N, C-alpha and C. Protein backbone atom coordinates (compact mmCIF):
# COMPACT_ATOMS: atom_id res chain seq x y z
N MET A 1 0.83 -1.19 0.00
CA MET A 1 0.00 0.00 0.00
C MET A 1 0.87 1.26 0.00
N ARG A 2 1.96 1.24 0.79
CA ARG A 2 2.81 2.40 0.88
C ARG A 2 3.42 2.77 -0.47
N ALA A 3 3.85 1.78 -1.26
CA ALA A 3 4.43 2.04 -2.58
C ALA A 3 3.41 2.66 -3.51
N SER A 4 2.14 2.24 -3.40
CA SER A 4 1.13 2.80 -4.29
C SER A 4 0.84 4.25 -3.97
N VAL A 5 1.09 4.68 -2.74
CA VAL A 5 0.91 6.08 -2.36
C VAL A 5 2.16 6.88 -2.67
N THR A 6 3.32 6.28 -2.45
CA THR A 6 4.59 6.97 -2.65
C THR A 6 4.84 7.29 -4.12
N ALA A 7 4.58 6.37 -5.01
CA ALA A 7 4.84 6.61 -6.44
C ALA A 7 4.05 7.79 -6.99
N PRO A 8 2.71 7.86 -6.76
CA PRO A 8 1.98 9.03 -7.27
C PRO A 8 2.45 10.33 -6.63
N MET A 9 2.80 10.29 -5.34
CA MET A 9 3.27 11.51 -4.68
C MET A 9 4.59 11.96 -5.29
N PHE A 10 5.51 11.02 -5.56
CA PHE A 10 6.77 11.36 -6.20
C PHE A 10 6.52 11.98 -7.57
N LEU A 11 5.63 11.36 -8.35
CA LEU A 11 5.33 11.87 -9.68
C LEU A 11 4.77 13.28 -9.60
N PHE A 12 3.88 13.52 -8.63
CA PHE A 12 3.28 14.84 -8.48
C PHE A 12 4.34 15.87 -8.11
N VAL A 13 5.17 15.56 -7.13
CA VAL A 13 6.21 16.49 -6.71
C VAL A 13 7.20 16.72 -7.85
N PHE A 14 7.55 15.64 -8.54
CA PHE A 14 8.47 15.76 -9.67
C PHE A 14 7.87 16.62 -10.77
N ALA A 15 6.59 16.45 -11.05
CA ALA A 15 5.92 17.24 -12.09
C ALA A 15 5.92 18.72 -11.74
N LEU A 16 5.78 19.05 -10.46
CA LEU A 16 5.81 20.45 -10.05
C LEU A 16 7.18 21.08 -10.28
N SER A 17 8.22 20.29 -10.18
CA SER A 17 9.57 20.82 -10.36
C SER A 17 10.04 20.73 -11.81
N ALA A 18 9.24 20.21 -12.69
CA ALA A 18 9.65 19.92 -14.06
C ALA A 18 10.18 21.09 -14.87
N PRO A 19 9.72 22.35 -14.68
CA PRO A 19 10.27 23.41 -15.52
C PRO A 19 11.79 23.56 -15.43
N ARG A 20 12.41 23.09 -14.34
CA ARG A 20 13.85 23.19 -14.20
C ARG A 20 14.59 22.13 -15.01
N ILE A 21 13.88 21.16 -15.50
CA ILE A 21 14.49 20.09 -16.29
C ILE A 21 14.45 20.50 -17.75
N HIS A 22 15.50 20.26 -18.45
CA HIS A 22 15.58 20.65 -19.85
C HIS A 22 15.22 19.50 -20.77
N ALA A 23 14.79 19.84 -21.96
CA ALA A 23 14.48 18.83 -22.96
C ALA A 23 15.69 17.92 -23.15
N GLN A 24 15.42 16.68 -23.43
CA GLN A 24 16.43 15.67 -23.71
C GLN A 24 17.12 15.15 -22.46
N ASP A 25 16.76 15.62 -21.26
CA ASP A 25 17.43 15.16 -20.04
C ASP A 25 16.99 13.77 -19.62
N MET A 26 15.77 13.38 -19.94
CA MET A 26 15.29 12.08 -19.52
C MET A 26 14.19 11.61 -20.46
N GLY A 27 13.81 10.36 -20.30
CA GLY A 27 12.79 9.79 -21.17
C GLY A 27 13.43 8.98 -22.28
N ILE A 28 12.61 8.60 -23.24
CA ILE A 28 13.09 7.80 -24.37
C ILE A 28 14.17 8.58 -25.12
N ASP A 29 15.16 7.88 -25.60
CA ASP A 29 16.28 8.53 -26.28
C ASP A 29 15.88 9.07 -27.65
N VAL A 30 16.37 10.27 -27.94
CA VAL A 30 16.21 10.84 -29.27
C VAL A 30 16.95 9.93 -30.24
N GLY A 31 16.36 9.70 -31.40
CA GLY A 31 16.95 8.82 -32.40
C GLY A 31 16.45 7.39 -32.33
N LYS A 32 15.68 7.07 -31.31
CA LYS A 32 15.13 5.72 -31.15
C LYS A 32 13.72 5.64 -31.70
N SER A 33 13.29 4.43 -31.96
CA SER A 33 11.89 4.15 -32.31
C SER A 33 11.22 3.61 -31.06
N PRO A 34 10.07 4.16 -30.68
CA PRO A 34 9.41 3.64 -29.48
C PRO A 34 8.81 2.26 -29.73
N PRO A 35 8.79 1.42 -28.69
CA PRO A 35 8.13 0.12 -28.85
C PRO A 35 6.62 0.29 -28.90
N SER A 36 5.95 -0.75 -29.27
CA SER A 36 4.49 -0.76 -29.31
C SER A 36 3.94 -0.53 -27.89
N ALA A 37 2.79 0.14 -27.81
CA ALA A 37 2.15 0.38 -26.51
C ALA A 37 0.64 0.37 -26.69
N ILE A 38 -0.02 -0.49 -25.94
CA ILE A 38 -1.48 -0.57 -26.00
C ILE A 38 -2.07 0.41 -24.99
N VAL A 39 -2.96 1.26 -25.47
CA VAL A 39 -3.70 2.21 -24.65
C VAL A 39 -5.18 2.02 -24.97
N GLN A 40 -6.01 2.87 -24.40
CA GLN A 40 -7.45 2.79 -24.67
C GLN A 40 -7.97 4.13 -25.13
N ARG A 41 -8.98 4.08 -25.97
CA ARG A 41 -9.75 5.27 -26.26
C ARG A 41 -10.59 5.53 -25.00
N LEU A 42 -11.16 6.68 -24.88
CA LEU A 42 -11.95 6.98 -23.68
C LEU A 42 -13.24 6.18 -23.62
N ASP A 43 -13.59 5.52 -24.72
CA ASP A 43 -14.76 4.63 -24.70
C ASP A 43 -14.38 3.20 -24.29
N GLY A 44 -13.10 2.98 -23.98
CA GLY A 44 -12.63 1.68 -23.50
C GLY A 44 -12.05 0.77 -24.57
N LYS A 45 -12.19 1.12 -25.84
CA LYS A 45 -11.62 0.28 -26.90
C LYS A 45 -10.11 0.41 -26.93
N LYS A 46 -9.43 -0.73 -27.03
CA LYS A 46 -7.97 -0.74 -27.06
C LYS A 46 -7.45 -0.30 -28.42
N VAL A 47 -6.31 0.37 -28.39
CA VAL A 47 -5.64 0.82 -29.60
C VAL A 47 -4.14 0.79 -29.34
N ASP A 48 -3.37 0.48 -30.36
CA ASP A 48 -1.92 0.47 -30.25
C ASP A 48 -1.39 1.82 -30.75
N LEU A 49 -0.58 2.47 -29.93
CA LEU A 49 -0.01 3.76 -30.35
C LEU A 49 0.76 3.65 -31.66
N SER A 50 1.29 2.47 -31.95
CA SER A 50 2.05 2.31 -33.20
C SER A 50 1.16 2.54 -34.42
N ASN A 51 -0.16 2.46 -34.27
CA ASN A 51 -1.07 2.75 -35.38
C ASN A 51 -0.97 4.19 -35.85
N TYR A 52 -0.51 5.09 -34.97
CA TYR A 52 -0.41 6.51 -35.29
C TYR A 52 0.99 6.89 -35.78
N ILE A 53 1.94 6.00 -35.59
CA ILE A 53 3.34 6.32 -35.82
C ILE A 53 3.81 5.80 -37.18
N GLY A 54 4.62 6.64 -37.87
CA GLY A 54 5.22 6.22 -39.13
C GLY A 54 4.46 6.67 -40.37
N LYS A 55 3.41 7.44 -40.18
CA LYS A 55 2.65 7.96 -41.32
C LYS A 55 2.91 9.45 -41.53
N ALA A 56 3.02 10.16 -40.42
CA ALA A 56 3.28 11.60 -40.40
C ALA A 56 3.95 11.89 -39.07
N PRO A 57 4.56 13.06 -38.92
CA PRO A 57 5.09 13.40 -37.60
C PRO A 57 3.97 13.35 -36.55
N VAL A 58 4.33 12.97 -35.33
CA VAL A 58 3.36 12.84 -34.24
C VAL A 58 3.92 13.54 -33.01
N LEU A 59 3.08 14.33 -32.35
CA LEU A 59 3.41 14.91 -31.06
C LEU A 59 2.51 14.23 -30.04
N ILE A 60 3.14 13.64 -29.01
CA ILE A 60 2.41 12.96 -27.95
C ILE A 60 2.73 13.65 -26.64
N GLU A 61 1.68 14.07 -25.93
CA GLU A 61 1.87 14.64 -24.59
C GLU A 61 1.31 13.66 -23.56
N PHE A 62 2.13 13.32 -22.56
CA PHE A 62 1.66 12.54 -21.42
C PHE A 62 1.09 13.55 -20.43
N TRP A 63 -0.16 13.39 -20.07
CA TRP A 63 -0.97 14.46 -19.55
C TRP A 63 -1.85 13.98 -18.39
N ALA A 64 -2.29 14.91 -17.55
CA ALA A 64 -3.25 14.59 -16.48
C ALA A 64 -4.12 15.82 -16.23
N THR A 65 -5.33 15.57 -15.80
CA THR A 65 -6.27 16.66 -15.52
C THR A 65 -5.77 17.54 -14.38
N TRP A 66 -5.01 16.98 -13.46
CA TRP A 66 -4.56 17.67 -12.27
C TRP A 66 -3.18 18.33 -12.43
N CYS A 67 -2.57 18.23 -13.58
CA CYS A 67 -1.18 18.64 -13.79
C CYS A 67 -1.05 20.14 -14.09
N PRO A 68 -0.40 20.92 -13.20
CA PRO A 68 -0.25 22.36 -13.46
C PRO A 68 0.66 22.65 -14.65
N ASN A 69 1.70 21.84 -14.87
CA ASN A 69 2.57 22.06 -16.03
C ASN A 69 1.83 21.79 -17.34
N CYS A 70 0.92 20.83 -17.32
CA CYS A 70 0.11 20.53 -18.51
C CYS A 70 -0.77 21.74 -18.85
N ARG A 71 -1.35 22.34 -17.84
CA ARG A 71 -2.17 23.54 -18.07
C ARG A 71 -1.32 24.69 -18.60
N GLU A 72 -0.11 24.83 -18.06
CA GLU A 72 0.79 25.88 -18.54
C GLU A 72 1.20 25.65 -19.99
N LEU A 73 1.39 24.41 -20.37
CA LEU A 73 1.82 24.06 -21.73
C LEU A 73 0.68 24.17 -22.74
N MET A 74 -0.56 24.08 -22.28
CA MET A 74 -1.71 23.98 -23.18
C MET A 74 -1.78 25.10 -24.23
N PRO A 75 -1.60 26.39 -23.91
CA PRO A 75 -1.67 27.40 -24.96
C PRO A 75 -0.66 27.17 -26.09
N ALA A 76 0.57 26.81 -25.74
CA ALA A 76 1.59 26.53 -26.76
C ALA A 76 1.22 25.29 -27.57
N LEU A 77 0.68 24.29 -26.90
CA LEU A 77 0.27 23.07 -27.58
C LEU A 77 -0.86 23.36 -28.58
N LEU A 78 -1.85 24.11 -28.15
CA LEU A 78 -2.98 24.44 -29.03
C LEU A 78 -2.54 25.32 -30.19
N ALA A 79 -1.63 26.26 -29.94
CA ALA A 79 -1.12 27.11 -31.01
C ALA A 79 -0.34 26.27 -32.04
N ALA A 80 0.46 25.34 -31.56
CA ALA A 80 1.22 24.46 -32.46
C ALA A 80 0.26 23.58 -33.25
N GLU A 81 -0.75 23.08 -32.59
CA GLU A 81 -1.71 22.22 -33.30
C GLU A 81 -2.43 22.99 -34.40
N LYS A 82 -2.78 24.22 -34.12
CA LYS A 82 -3.43 25.05 -35.14
C LYS A 82 -2.47 25.34 -36.30
N LYS A 83 -1.22 25.67 -35.96
CA LYS A 83 -0.22 26.01 -36.97
C LYS A 83 0.13 24.81 -37.87
N TYR A 84 0.23 23.61 -37.29
CA TYR A 84 0.67 22.43 -38.03
C TYR A 84 -0.46 21.47 -38.38
N SER A 85 -1.67 21.96 -38.32
CA SER A 85 -2.84 21.13 -38.64
C SER A 85 -2.69 20.49 -40.02
N GLY A 86 -2.93 19.20 -40.07
CA GLY A 86 -2.83 18.47 -41.32
C GLY A 86 -1.43 17.95 -41.62
N ARG A 87 -0.41 18.48 -40.93
CA ARG A 87 0.96 18.03 -41.16
C ARG A 87 1.52 17.21 -40.02
N VAL A 88 0.97 17.41 -38.81
CA VAL A 88 1.43 16.72 -37.61
C VAL A 88 0.22 16.19 -36.88
N LYS A 89 0.29 14.94 -36.42
CA LYS A 89 -0.78 14.34 -35.61
C LYS A 89 -0.50 14.66 -34.15
N PHE A 90 -1.48 15.19 -33.44
CA PHE A 90 -1.36 15.51 -32.02
C PHE A 90 -2.18 14.52 -31.22
N LEU A 91 -1.56 13.97 -30.17
CA LEU A 91 -2.23 13.02 -29.28
C LEU A 91 -1.94 13.39 -27.83
N ALA A 92 -2.93 13.21 -26.99
CA ALA A 92 -2.73 13.30 -25.55
C ALA A 92 -2.90 11.91 -24.98
N VAL A 93 -2.00 11.52 -24.11
CA VAL A 93 -2.11 10.24 -23.43
C VAL A 93 -2.32 10.56 -21.95
N ALA A 94 -3.53 10.32 -21.48
CA ALA A 94 -3.86 10.57 -20.07
C ALA A 94 -3.29 9.45 -19.22
N VAL A 95 -2.45 9.82 -18.26
CA VAL A 95 -1.87 8.83 -17.36
C VAL A 95 -2.92 8.37 -16.36
N ASN A 96 -2.70 7.22 -15.76
CA ASN A 96 -3.71 6.65 -14.86
C ASN A 96 -3.43 6.91 -13.39
N ILE A 97 -2.75 7.97 -13.08
CA ILE A 97 -2.43 8.30 -11.69
C ILE A 97 -3.39 9.37 -11.19
N ASN A 98 -4.13 9.03 -10.14
CA ASN A 98 -5.09 9.94 -9.50
C ASN A 98 -6.14 10.48 -10.46
N GLN A 99 -6.53 9.68 -11.44
CA GLN A 99 -7.63 10.04 -12.31
C GLN A 99 -8.21 8.78 -12.93
N SER A 100 -9.30 8.94 -13.63
CA SER A 100 -10.01 7.83 -14.25
C SER A 100 -10.49 8.28 -15.62
N PRO A 101 -10.92 7.35 -16.47
CA PRO A 101 -11.47 7.77 -17.77
C PRO A 101 -12.67 8.70 -17.58
N GLU A 102 -13.48 8.46 -16.56
CA GLU A 102 -14.64 9.32 -16.32
C GLU A 102 -14.20 10.75 -15.99
N ARG A 103 -13.17 10.86 -15.16
CA ARG A 103 -12.67 12.19 -14.81
C ARG A 103 -12.09 12.90 -16.03
N VAL A 104 -11.39 12.17 -16.88
CA VAL A 104 -10.84 12.75 -18.10
C VAL A 104 -11.97 13.20 -19.02
N ARG A 105 -13.00 12.35 -19.17
CA ARG A 105 -14.15 12.73 -20.02
C ARG A 105 -14.83 13.99 -19.50
N LYS A 106 -15.02 14.09 -18.19
CA LYS A 106 -15.64 15.29 -17.59
C LYS A 106 -14.78 16.53 -17.86
N TYR A 107 -13.48 16.37 -17.69
CA TYR A 107 -12.57 17.49 -17.94
C TYR A 107 -12.67 17.95 -19.40
N LEU A 108 -12.65 16.99 -20.31
CA LEU A 108 -12.71 17.33 -21.73
C LEU A 108 -14.07 17.91 -22.13
N ALA A 109 -15.13 17.53 -21.43
CA ALA A 109 -16.45 18.12 -21.70
C ALA A 109 -16.43 19.60 -21.33
N ALA A 110 -15.73 19.94 -20.25
CA ALA A 110 -15.65 21.33 -19.81
C ALA A 110 -14.57 22.12 -20.56
N HIS A 111 -13.52 21.42 -21.03
CA HIS A 111 -12.39 22.05 -21.72
C HIS A 111 -12.07 21.24 -22.98
N PRO A 112 -12.88 21.35 -24.02
CA PRO A 112 -12.67 20.53 -25.22
C PRO A 112 -11.29 20.78 -25.86
N LEU A 113 -10.69 19.71 -26.32
CA LEU A 113 -9.42 19.78 -27.02
C LEU A 113 -9.60 19.27 -28.44
N PRO A 114 -8.88 19.84 -29.40
CA PRO A 114 -9.05 19.40 -30.79
C PRO A 114 -8.37 18.08 -31.12
N HIS A 115 -7.47 17.62 -30.26
CA HIS A 115 -6.75 16.39 -30.55
C HIS A 115 -7.33 15.22 -29.76
N GLU A 116 -7.01 14.04 -30.23
CA GLU A 116 -7.49 12.82 -29.59
C GLU A 116 -6.79 12.60 -28.26
N THR A 117 -7.58 12.20 -27.27
CA THR A 117 -7.04 11.88 -25.95
C THR A 117 -7.24 10.39 -25.70
N LEU A 118 -6.17 9.73 -25.34
CA LEU A 118 -6.18 8.30 -25.08
C LEU A 118 -5.91 8.06 -23.60
N TRP A 119 -6.26 6.88 -23.10
CA TRP A 119 -6.13 6.53 -21.68
C TRP A 119 -5.08 5.43 -21.54
N ASP A 120 -4.06 5.70 -20.73
CA ASP A 120 -2.98 4.74 -20.50
C ASP A 120 -3.32 3.90 -19.26
N ALA A 121 -4.31 3.03 -19.41
CA ALA A 121 -4.89 2.27 -18.29
C ALA A 121 -3.85 1.49 -17.49
N ASP A 122 -2.93 0.85 -18.16
CA ASP A 122 -1.95 0.00 -17.48
C ASP A 122 -0.54 0.58 -17.44
N GLY A 123 -0.39 1.82 -17.88
CA GLY A 123 0.94 2.43 -17.89
C GLY A 123 1.82 1.93 -19.03
N ASN A 124 1.22 1.26 -20.01
CA ASN A 124 2.01 0.71 -21.13
C ASN A 124 2.74 1.80 -21.91
N ALA A 125 2.03 2.88 -22.23
CA ALA A 125 2.64 3.95 -23.02
C ALA A 125 3.69 4.69 -22.21
N ALA A 126 3.38 4.99 -20.95
CA ALA A 126 4.35 5.69 -20.10
C ALA A 126 5.63 4.86 -19.98
N GLY A 127 5.49 3.55 -19.87
CA GLY A 127 6.66 2.68 -19.81
C GLY A 127 7.41 2.62 -21.12
N ALA A 128 6.68 2.47 -22.22
CA ALA A 128 7.31 2.36 -23.53
C ALA A 128 8.09 3.62 -23.90
N PHE A 129 7.56 4.78 -23.51
CA PHE A 129 8.19 6.06 -23.83
C PHE A 129 9.07 6.56 -22.69
N ASP A 130 9.19 5.77 -21.63
CA ASP A 130 10.00 6.13 -20.46
C ASP A 130 9.61 7.50 -19.93
N ALA A 131 8.29 7.76 -19.87
CA ALA A 131 7.77 9.06 -19.43
C ALA A 131 8.11 9.30 -17.97
N PRO A 132 8.88 10.34 -17.67
CA PRO A 132 9.28 10.60 -16.29
C PRO A 132 8.21 11.29 -15.46
N ALA A 133 7.27 11.98 -16.10
CA ALA A 133 6.24 12.74 -15.39
C ALA A 133 5.20 13.21 -16.40
N THR A 134 4.18 13.85 -15.89
CA THR A 134 3.21 14.47 -16.79
C THR A 134 3.83 15.73 -17.39
N SER A 135 3.22 16.24 -18.42
CA SER A 135 3.71 17.35 -19.26
C SER A 135 4.93 16.92 -20.06
N TYR A 136 5.11 15.62 -20.21
CA TYR A 136 6.20 15.06 -21.00
C TYR A 136 5.75 14.98 -22.45
N VAL A 137 6.51 15.57 -23.34
CA VAL A 137 6.19 15.61 -24.77
C VAL A 137 7.24 14.83 -25.54
N VAL A 138 6.75 14.01 -26.46
CA VAL A 138 7.61 13.28 -27.39
C VAL A 138 7.15 13.65 -28.79
N VAL A 139 8.08 14.04 -29.64
CA VAL A 139 7.78 14.33 -31.03
C VAL A 139 8.54 13.33 -31.88
N LEU A 140 7.79 12.64 -32.74
CA LEU A 140 8.37 11.64 -33.64
C LEU A 140 8.30 12.16 -35.07
N ASN A 141 9.31 11.84 -35.86
CA ASN A 141 9.28 12.24 -37.26
C ASN A 141 8.40 11.28 -38.07
N LYS A 142 8.32 11.52 -39.37
CA LYS A 142 7.46 10.71 -40.24
C LYS A 142 7.84 9.23 -40.22
N LYS A 143 9.11 8.93 -39.98
CA LYS A 143 9.56 7.54 -39.95
C LYS A 143 9.32 6.87 -38.59
N GLY A 144 8.83 7.64 -37.61
CA GLY A 144 8.57 7.10 -36.29
C GLY A 144 9.76 7.14 -35.36
N ILE A 145 10.73 7.97 -35.68
CA ILE A 145 11.94 8.12 -34.87
C ILE A 145 11.76 9.33 -33.94
N VAL A 146 12.17 9.18 -32.69
CA VAL A 146 12.05 10.28 -31.73
C VAL A 146 12.97 11.42 -32.15
N ALA A 147 12.37 12.60 -32.40
CA ALA A 147 13.12 13.79 -32.78
C ALA A 147 13.29 14.74 -31.60
N TYR A 148 12.42 14.61 -30.59
CA TYR A 148 12.45 15.55 -29.46
C TYR A 148 11.75 14.92 -28.27
N THR A 149 12.27 15.20 -27.08
CA THR A 149 11.54 14.94 -25.83
C THR A 149 11.71 16.17 -24.96
N GLY A 150 10.68 16.48 -24.21
CA GLY A 150 10.75 17.63 -23.31
C GLY A 150 9.78 17.46 -22.16
N LEU A 151 10.01 18.22 -21.13
CA LEU A 151 9.22 18.10 -19.91
C LEU A 151 8.95 19.48 -19.35
N GLY A 152 7.73 19.71 -18.93
CA GLY A 152 7.40 20.95 -18.25
C GLY A 152 6.47 21.84 -19.05
N GLY A 153 6.07 22.91 -18.42
CA GLY A 153 5.08 23.81 -19.00
C GLY A 153 5.63 24.80 -20.00
N ARG A 154 6.95 24.90 -20.08
CA ARG A 154 7.55 25.88 -21.01
C ARG A 154 8.48 25.15 -21.98
N GLN A 155 7.89 24.66 -23.05
CA GLN A 155 8.67 23.95 -24.07
C GLN A 155 8.50 24.69 -25.39
N ASN A 156 9.55 24.70 -26.19
CA ASN A 156 9.48 25.32 -27.51
C ASN A 156 8.98 24.27 -28.50
N LEU A 157 7.68 24.16 -28.61
CA LEU A 157 7.09 23.13 -29.46
C LEU A 157 7.33 23.40 -30.94
N ASP A 158 7.44 24.66 -31.33
CA ASP A 158 7.76 24.98 -32.73
C ASP A 158 9.11 24.41 -33.11
N ALA A 159 10.10 24.59 -32.28
CA ALA A 159 11.44 24.05 -32.56
C ALA A 159 11.41 22.53 -32.55
N ALA A 160 10.64 21.95 -31.63
CA ALA A 160 10.55 20.48 -31.55
C ALA A 160 9.93 19.93 -32.82
N ILE A 161 8.85 20.54 -33.27
CA ILE A 161 8.16 20.07 -34.48
C ILE A 161 9.04 20.30 -35.71
N ALA A 162 9.77 21.40 -35.74
CA ALA A 162 10.68 21.67 -36.87
C ALA A 162 11.69 20.54 -37.03
N LYS A 163 12.18 19.98 -35.92
CA LYS A 163 13.11 18.86 -35.98
C LYS A 163 12.46 17.65 -36.63
N ALA A 164 11.19 17.44 -36.36
CA ALA A 164 10.48 16.28 -36.90
C ALA A 164 10.13 16.46 -38.37
N LEU A 165 9.98 17.67 -38.81
CA LEU A 165 9.59 17.95 -40.19
C LEU A 165 10.77 17.96 -41.15
N LYS A 166 12.00 17.92 -40.64
CA LYS A 166 13.20 17.94 -41.51
C LYS A 166 13.25 16.71 -42.38
């Protein structure tokens, strides 16, 4: 029981300190291809993240309704999505710490997002992408190779996406 309380608390405290961490400091290595990861749509249907990878550049944010860095990053994320619409696929992967699919659906009903939000029920995606915390962004190029990783509410998503579009 203690480990189940300690891990979410560590993640929360770590997420609050994330702006001090720089892109590329942790997470999946740039230049690698991520392994397959099964997640769920918010309706409960399973989907493999690899279905989205290798067709066009993809930006994936590991996200939570309670994450202050995610809220701080949201304006930049929405601006990038508007700017690169049709050229880059945007996905949110809701982590399963201190939230549920119902809570995510309620949040999205109150704060609609233009991109698809998936549920990482078993932590498969967080493990596959070595996500250190919420507000973790991974940008993959058209070939499915990691071009950028970053953490925190202040990331230069334009520069990250530019790396993937090369």
